[in-house]
Amino acid sequence: MVIKVVKGNPTAEELAAALAVVQARAAALASAPSGAPRVADEWSAPARVARRRLPRPGPRAWGRTYWPG
């Protein structure tokens, strides 16, 4: 695995912490049973994206799509 810092200048401690997280995640994925179905993350659920009703079309509908109502 090759990890490259493309922006910024991390300290040795920051880089070590980031690598520890990546290695822990890779180890967790490797130890998970391969036959078990993966549960979709809640943050990526389509129902979460469209919880509120969409604005009705009209002269000011474009403004209601951005600003919280």
PDB file of N, CA and C in Angstrom:
ATOM      1  N   MET A   1       0.851  -1.167   0.000  1.00  0.00           N
ATOM      2  CA  MET A   1       0.000   0.000   0.000  1.00  0.00           C
ATOM      3  C   MET A   1       0.897   1.231   0.000  1.00  0.00           C
ATOM      4  N   VAL A   2       0.594   2.173  -0.872  1.00  0.00           N
ATOM      5  CA  VAL A   2       1.358   3.403  -0.962  1.00  0.00           C
ATOM      6  C   VAL A   2       0.435   4.552  -0.606  1.00  0.00           C
ATOM      7  N   ILE A   3       0.861   5.375   0.337  1.00  0.00           N
ATOM      8  CA  ILE A   3       0.102   6.555   0.728  1.00  0.00           C
ATOM      9  C   ILE A   3       0.972   7.764   0.459  1.00  0.00           C
ATOM     10  N   LYS A   4       0.383   8.748  -0.192  1.00  0.00           N
ATOM     11  CA  LYS A   4       1.140   9.933  -0.592  1.00  0.00           C
ATOM     12  C   LYS A   4       0.439  11.177  -0.063  1.00  0.00           C
ATOM     13  N   VAL A   5       1.176  12.053   0.578  1.00  0.00           N
ATOM     14  CA  VAL A   5       0.638  13.327   1.048  1.00  0.00           C
ATOM     15  C   VAL A   5       0.709  14.293  -0.125  1.00  0.00           C
ATOM     16  N   VAL A   6      -0.458  14.769  -0.575  1.00  0.00           N
ATOM     17  CA  VAL A   6      -0.488  15.637  -1.747  1.00  0.00           C
ATOM     18  C   VAL A   6      -0.628  17.110  -1.387  1.00  0.00           C
ATOM     19  N   LYS A   7      -1.005  17.400  -0.143  1.00  0.00           N
ATOM     20  CA  LYS A   7      -1.154  18.799   0.251  1.00  0.00           C
ATOM     21  C   LYS A   7      -0.832  18.928   1.726  1.00  0.00           C
ATOM     22  N   GLY A   8      -0.142  19.953   2.077  1.00  0.00           N
ATOM     23  CA  GLY A   8       0.197  20.195   3.468  1.00  0.00           C
ATOM     24  C   GLY A   8       1.538  19.590   3.830  1.00  0.00           C
ATOM     25  N   ASN A   9       1.900  19.749   5.080  1.00  0.00           N
ATOM     26  CA  ASN A   9       3.169  19.250   5.572  1.00  0.00           C
ATOM     27  C   ASN A   9       2.931  18.646   6.954  1.00  0.00           C
ATOM     28  N   PRO A  10       2.447  17.390   7.026  1.00  0.00           N
ATOM     29  CA  PRO A  10       2.128  16.804   8.332  1.00  0.00           C
ATOM     30  C   PRO A  10       3.396  16.498   9.123  1.00  0.00           C
ATOM     31  N   THR A  11       3.239  16.574  10.432  1.00  0.00           N
ATOM     32  CA  THR A  11       4.347  16.191  11.298  1.00  0.00           C
ATOM     33  C   THR A  11       4.434  14.674  11.324  1.00  0.00           C
ATOM     34  N   ALA A  12       5.500  14.175  11.879  1.00  0.00           N
ATOM     35  CA  ALA A  12       5.664  12.721  11.966  1.00  0.00           C
ATOM     36  C   ALA A  12       4.552  12.098  12.810  1.00  0.00           C
ATOM     37  N   GLU A  13       4.130  12.778  13.871  1.00  0.00           N
ATOM     38  CA  GLU A  13       3.061  12.260  14.730  1.00  0.00           C
ATOM     39  C   GLU A  13       1.720  12.241  13.989  1.00  0.00           C
ATOM     40  N   GLU A  14       1.420  13.291  13.232  1.00  0.00           N
ATOM     41  CA  GLU A  14       0.176  13.335  12.470  1.00  0.00           C
ATOM     42  C   GLU A  14       0.137  12.246  11.407  1.00  0.00           C
ATOM     43  N   LEU A  15       1.248  12.040  10.740  1.00  0.00           N
ATOM     44  CA  LEU A  15       1.326  11.007   9.716  1.00  0.00           C
ATOM     45  C   LEU A  15       1.190   9.621  10.329  1.00  0.00           C
ATOM     46  N   ALA A  16       1.804   9.409  11.483  1.00  0.00           N
ATOM     47  CA  ALA A  16       1.698   8.119  12.170  1.00  0.00           C
ATOM     48  C   ALA A  16       0.263   7.860  12.612  1.00  0.00           C
ATOM     49  N   ALA A  17      -0.432   8.875  13.086  1.00  0.00           N
ATOM     50  CA  ALA A  17      -1.822   8.714  13.507  1.00  0.00           C
ATOM     51  C   ALA A  17      -2.715   8.364  12.316  1.00  0.00           C
ATOM     52  N   ALA A  18      -2.506   9.034  11.192  1.00  0.00           N
ATOM     53  CA  ALA A  18      -3.303   8.756  10.001  1.00  0.00           C
ATOM     54  C   ALA A  18      -3.051   7.334   9.498  1.00  0.00           C
ATOM     55  N   LEU A  19      -1.805   6.919   9.493  1.00  0.00           N
ATOM     56  CA  LEU A  19      -1.484   5.562   9.051  1.00  0.00           C
ATOM     57  C   LEU A  19      -2.048   4.511   9.997  1.00  0.00           C
ATOM     58  N   ALA A  20      -2.066   4.796  11.288  1.00  0.00           N
ATOM     59  CA  ALA A  20      -2.640   3.854  12.252  1.00  0.00           C
ATOM     60  C   ALA A  20      -4.124   3.652  11.989  1.00  0.00           C
ATOM     61  N   VAL A  21      -4.831   4.719  11.646  1.00  0.00           N
ATOM     62  CA  VAL A  21      -6.260   4.612  11.338  1.00  0.00           C
ATOM     63  C   VAL A  21      -6.471   3.782  10.073  1.00  0.00           C
ATOM     64  N   VAL A  22      -5.667   4.049   9.051  1.00  0.00           N
ATOM     65  CA  VAL A  22      -5.800   3.304   7.791  1.00  0.00           C
ATOM     66  C   VAL A  22      -5.490   1.825   8.008  1.00  0.00           C
ATOM     67  N   GLN A  23      -4.452   1.528   8.767  1.00  0.00           N
ATOM     68  CA  GLN A  23      -4.090   0.129   9.025  1.00  0.00           C
ATOM     69  C   GLN A  23      -5.154  -0.573   9.866  1.00  0.00           C
ATOM     70  N   ALA A  24      -5.720   0.119  10.838  1.00  0.00           N
ATOM     71  CA  ALA A  24      -6.768  -0.483  11.660  1.00  0.00           C
ATOM     72  C   ALA A  24      -8.002  -0.795  10.824  1.00  0.00           C
ATOM     73  N   ARG A  25      -8.358   0.108   9.936  1.00  0.00           N
ATOM     74  CA  ARG A  25      -9.518  -0.122   9.063  1.00  0.00           C
ATOM     75  C   ARG A  25      -9.270  -1.288   8.115  1.00  0.00           C
ATOM     76  N   ALA A  26      -8.060  -1.372   7.566  1.00  0.00           N
ATOM     77  CA  ALA A  26      -7.727  -2.469   6.663  1.00  0.00           C
ATOM     78  C   ALA A  26      -7.739  -3.797   7.415  1.00  0.00           C
ATOM     79  N   ALA A  27      -7.252  -3.811   8.645  1.00  0.00           N
ATOM     80  CA  ALA A  27      -7.254  -5.043   9.440  1.00  0.00           C
ATOM     81  C   ALA A  27      -8.674  -5.466   9.783  1.00  0.00           C
ATOM     82  N   ALA A  28      -9.541  -4.505  10.074  1.00  0.00           N
ATOM     83  CA  ALA A  28     -10.932  -4.831  10.385  1.00  0.00           C
ATOM     84  C   ALA A  28     -11.645  -5.410   9.169  1.00  0.00           C
ATOM     85  N   LEU A  29     -11.378  -4.858   7.998  1.00  0.00           N
ATOM     86  CA  LEU A  29     -12.000  -5.377   6.783  1.00  0.00           C
ATOM     87  C   LEU A  29     -11.462  -6.756   6.433  1.00  0.00           C
ATOM     88  N   ALA A  30     -10.188  -6.988   6.693  1.00  0.00           N
ATOM     89  CA  ALA A  30      -9.590  -8.284   6.374  1.00  0.00           C
ATOM     90  C   ALA A  30     -10.088  -9.371   7.312  1.00  0.00           C
ATOM     91  N   SER A  31     -10.398  -9.018   8.550  1.00  0.00           N
ATOM     92  CA  SER A  31     -10.835 -10.027   9.513  1.00  0.00           C
ATOM     93  C   SER A  31     -12.335 -10.291   9.451  1.00  0.00           C
ATOM     94  N   ALA A  32     -13.089  -9.458   8.741  1.00  0.00           N
ATOM     95  CA  ALA A  32     -14.534  -9.655   8.623  1.00  0.00           C
ATOM     96  C   ALA A  32     -14.809 -10.881   7.761  1.00  0.00           C
ATOM     97  N   PRO A  33     -15.818 -11.668   8.139  1.00  0.00           N
ATOM     98  CA  PRO A  33     -16.153 -12.832   7.319  1.00  0.00           C
ATOM     99  C   PRO A  33     -16.611 -12.404   5.927  1.00  0.00           C
ATOM    100  N   SER A  34     -16.083 -13.060   4.924  1.00  0.00           N
ATOM    101  CA  SER A  34     -16.383 -12.644   3.553  1.00  0.00           C
ATOM    102  C   SER A  34     -17.786 -13.046   3.119  1.00  0.00           C
ATOM    103  N   GLY A  35     -18.392 -14.039   3.761  1.00  0.00           N
ATOM    104  CA  GLY A  35     -19.724 -14.482   3.373  1.00  0.00           C
ATOM    105  C   GLY A  35     -20.836 -13.648   3.970  1.00  0.00           C
ATOM    106  N   ALA A  36     -20.517 -12.826   4.955  1.00  0.00           N
ATOM    107  CA  ALA A  36     -21.550 -12.026   5.605  1.00  0.00           C
ATOM    108  C   ALA A  36     -21.968 -10.868   4.706  1.00  0.00           C
ATOM    109  N   PRO A  37     -23.268 -10.591   4.626  1.00  0.00           N
ATOM    110  CA  PRO A  37     -23.714  -9.458   3.808  1.00  0.00           C
ATOM    111  C   PRO A  37     -23.293  -8.146   4.457  1.00  0.00           C
ATOM    112  N   ARG A  38     -22.886  -7.207   3.628  1.00  0.00           N
ATOM    113  CA  ARG A  38     -22.475  -5.906   4.141  1.00  0.00           C
ATOM    114  C   ARG A  38     -23.705  -5.049   4.374  1.00  0.00           C
ATOM    115  N   VAL A  39     -23.736  -4.385   5.497  1.00  0.00           N
ATOM    116  CA  VAL A  39     -24.832  -3.487   5.827  1.00  0.00           C
ATOM    117  C   VAL A  39     -24.490  -2.108   5.274  1.00  0.00           C
ATOM    118  N   ALA A  40     -25.425  -1.543   4.534  1.00  0.00           N
ATOM    119  CA  ALA A  40     -25.190  -0.216   3.956  1.00  0.00           C
ATOM    120  C   ALA A  40     -25.106   0.819   5.066  1.00  0.00           C
ATOM    121  N   ASP A  41     -24.218   1.749   4.908  1.00  0.00           N
ATOM    122  CA  ASP A  41     -24.086   2.817   5.888  1.00  0.00           C
ATOM    123  C   ASP A  41     -25.319   3.702   5.849  1.00  0.00           C
ATOM    124  N   GLU A  42     -25.734   4.161   7.025  1.00  0.00           N
ATOM    125  CA  GLU A  42     -26.928   4.993   7.116  1.00  0.00           C
ATOM    126  C   GLU A  42     -26.741   6.333   6.406  1.00  0.00           C
ATOM    127  N   TRP A  43     -25.531   6.877   6.403  1.00  0.00           N
ATOM    128  CA  TRP A  43     -25.329   8.195   5.801  1.00  0.00           C
ATOM    129  C   TRP A  43     -25.527   8.177   4.300  1.00  0.00           C
ATOM    130  N   SER A  44     -25.424   7.013   3.672  1.00  0.00           N
ATOM    131  CA  SER A  44     -25.578   6.952   2.230  1.00  0.00           C
ATOM    132  C   SER A  44     -26.982   6.529   1.797  1.00  0.00           C
ATOM    133  N   ALA A  45     -27.893   6.394   2.744  1.00  0.00           N
ATOM    134  CA  ALA A  45     -29.249   5.966   2.417  1.00  0.00           C
ATOM    135  C   ALA A  45     -29.985   7.058   1.637  1.00  0.00           C
ATOM    136  N   PRO A  46     -30.646   6.706   0.530  1.00  0.00           N
ATOM    137  CA  PRO A  46     -31.375   7.713  -0.246  1.00  0.00           C
ATOM    138  C   PRO A  46     -32.478   8.392   0.554  1.00  0.00           C
ATOM    139  N   ALA A  47     -33.090   7.676   1.502  1.00  0.00           N
ATOM    140  CA  ALA A  47     -34.167   8.277   2.290  1.00  0.00           C
ATOM    141  C   ALA A  47     -33.640   9.415   3.159  1.00  0.00           C
ATOM    142  N   ARG A  48     -32.396   9.357   3.545  1.00  0.00           N
ATOM    143  CA  ARG A  48     -31.810  10.417   4.367  1.00  0.00           C
ATOM    144  C   ARG A  48     -31.638  11.695   3.559  1.00  0.00           C
ATOM    145  N   VAL A  49     -31.357  11.557   2.293  1.00  0.00           N
ATOM    146  CA  VAL A  49     -31.122  12.716   1.446  1.00  0.00           C
ATOM    147  C   VAL A  49     -32.423  13.489   1.220  1.00  0.00           C
ATOM    148  N   ALA A  50     -33.532  12.805   1.053  1.00  0.00           N
ATOM    149  CA  ALA A  50     -34.804  13.450   0.719  1.00  0.00           C
ATOM    150  C   ALA A  50     -35.795  13.331   1.869  1.00  0.00           C
ATOM    151  N   ARG A  51     -35.409  13.772   3.048  1.00  0.00           N
ATOM    152  CA  ARG A  51     -36.322  13.693   4.191  1.00  0.00           C
ATOM    153  C   ARG A  51     -37.412  14.753   4.123  1.00  0.00           C
ATOM    154  N   ARG A  52     -37.058  15.941   3.657  1.00  0.00           N
ATOM    155  CA  ARG A  52     -38.060  16.999   3.563  1.00  0.00           C
ATOM    156  C   ARG A  52     -38.709  16.972   2.190  1.00  0.00           C
ATOM    157  N   ARG A  53     -39.875  17.556   2.126  1.00  0.00           N
ATOM    158  CA  ARG A  53     -40.548  17.638   0.832  1.00  0.00           C
ATOM    159  C   ARG A  53     -39.821  18.605  -0.070  1.00  0.00           C
ATOM    160  N   LEU A  54     -39.810  18.302  -1.333  1.00  0.00           N
ATOM    161  CA  LEU A  54     -39.173  19.176  -2.305  1.00  0.00           C
ATOM    162  C   LEU A  54     -40.056  20.394  -2.552  1.00  0.00           C
ATOM    163  N   PRO A  55     -39.471  21.554  -2.856  1.00  0.00           N
ATOM    164  CA  PRO A  55     -40.284  22.753  -3.101  1.00  0.00           C
ATOM    165  C   PRO A  55     -41.093  22.609  -4.386  1.00  0.00           C
ATOM    166  N   ARG A  56     -42.226  23.237  -4.385  1.00  0.00           N
ATOM    167  CA  ARG A  56     -43.054  23.221  -5.593  1.00  0.00           C
ATOM    168  C   ARG A  56     -42.471  24.200  -6.597  1.00  0.00           C
ATOM    169  N   PRO A  57     -42.574  23.879  -7.881  1.00  0.00           N
ATOM    170  CA  PRO A  57     -42.059  24.798  -8.904  1.00  0.00           C
ATOM    171  C   PRO A  57     -42.816  26.116  -8.872  1.00  0.00           C
ATOM    172  N   GLY A  58     -42.118  27.174  -9.124  1.00  0.00           N
ATOM    173  CA  GLY A  58     -42.728  28.493  -9.142  1.00  0.00           C
ATOM    174  C   GLY A  58     -41.655  29.535  -9.367  1.00  0.00           C
ATOM    175  N   PRO A  59     -42.035  30.797  -9.330  1.00  0.00           N
ATOM    176  CA  PRO A  59     -41.078  31.854  -9.613  1.00  0.00           C
ATOM    177  C   PRO A  59     -39.910  31.903  -8.623  1.00  0.00           C
ATOM    178  N   ARG A  60     -40.122  31.503  -7.379  1.00  0.00           N
ATOM    179  CA  ARG A  60     -39.050  31.577  -6.385  1.00  0.00           C
ATOM    180  C   ARG A  60     -38.586  30.194  -5.942  1.00  0.00           C
ATOM    181  N   ALA A  61     -38.903  29.158  -6.686  1.00  0.00           N
ATOM    182  CA  ALA A  61     -38.535  27.796  -6.294  1.00  0.00           C
ATOM    183  C   ALA A  61     -37.025  27.614  -6.237  1.00  0.00           C
ATOM    184  N   TRP A  62     -36.284  28.288  -7.101  1.00  0.00           N
ATOM    185  CA  TRP A  62     -34.831  28.142  -7.100  1.00  0.00           C
ATOM    186  C   TRP A  62     -34.243  28.602  -5.770  1.00  0.00           C
ATOM    187  N   GLY A  63     -34.811  29.623  -5.164  1.00  0.00           N
ATOM    188  CA  GLY A  63     -34.298  30.120  -3.884  1.00  0.00           C
ATOM    189  C   GLY A  63     -34.599  29.166  -2.744  1.00  0.00           C
ATOM    190  N   ARG A  64     -35.726  28.491  -2.819  1.00  0.00           N
ATOM    191  CA  ARG A  64     -36.107  27.565  -1.753  1.00  0.00           C
ATOM    192  C   ARG A  64     -35.307  26.272  -1.832  1.00  0.00           C
ATOM    193  N   THR A  65     -34.666  26.011  -2.947  1.00  0.00           N
ATOM    194  CA  THR A  65     -33.881  24.780  -3.029  1.00  0.00           C
ATOM    195  C   THR A  65     -32.560  24.911  -2.279  1.00  0.00           C
ATOM    196  N   TYR A  66     -32.079  26.124  -2.065  1.00  0.00           N
ATOM    197  CA  TYR A  66     -30.806  26.306  -1.374  1.00  0.00           C
ATOM    198  C   TYR A  66     -30.976  26.728   0.077  1.00  0.00           C
ATOM    199  N   TRP A  67     -31.774  27.733   0.334  1.00  0.00           N
ATOM    200  CA  TRP A  67     -31.884  28.266   1.681  1.00  0.00           C
ATOM    201  C   TRP A  67     -32.808  27.423   2.537  1.00  0.00           C
ATOM    202  N   PRO A  68     -32.380  27.085   3.758  1.00  0.00           N
ATOM    203  CA  PRO A  68     -33.249  26.286   4.628  1.00  0.00           C
ATOM    204  C   PRO A  68     -34.517  27.053   4.954  1.00  0.00           C
ATOM    205  N   GLY A  69     -35.607  26.348   4.967  1.00  0.00           N
ATOM    206  CA  GLY A  69     -36.896  26.976   5.131  1.00  0.00           C
ATOM    207  C   GLY A  69     -37.314  27.020   6.522  1.00  0.00           C
TER     208      GLY A  69
END
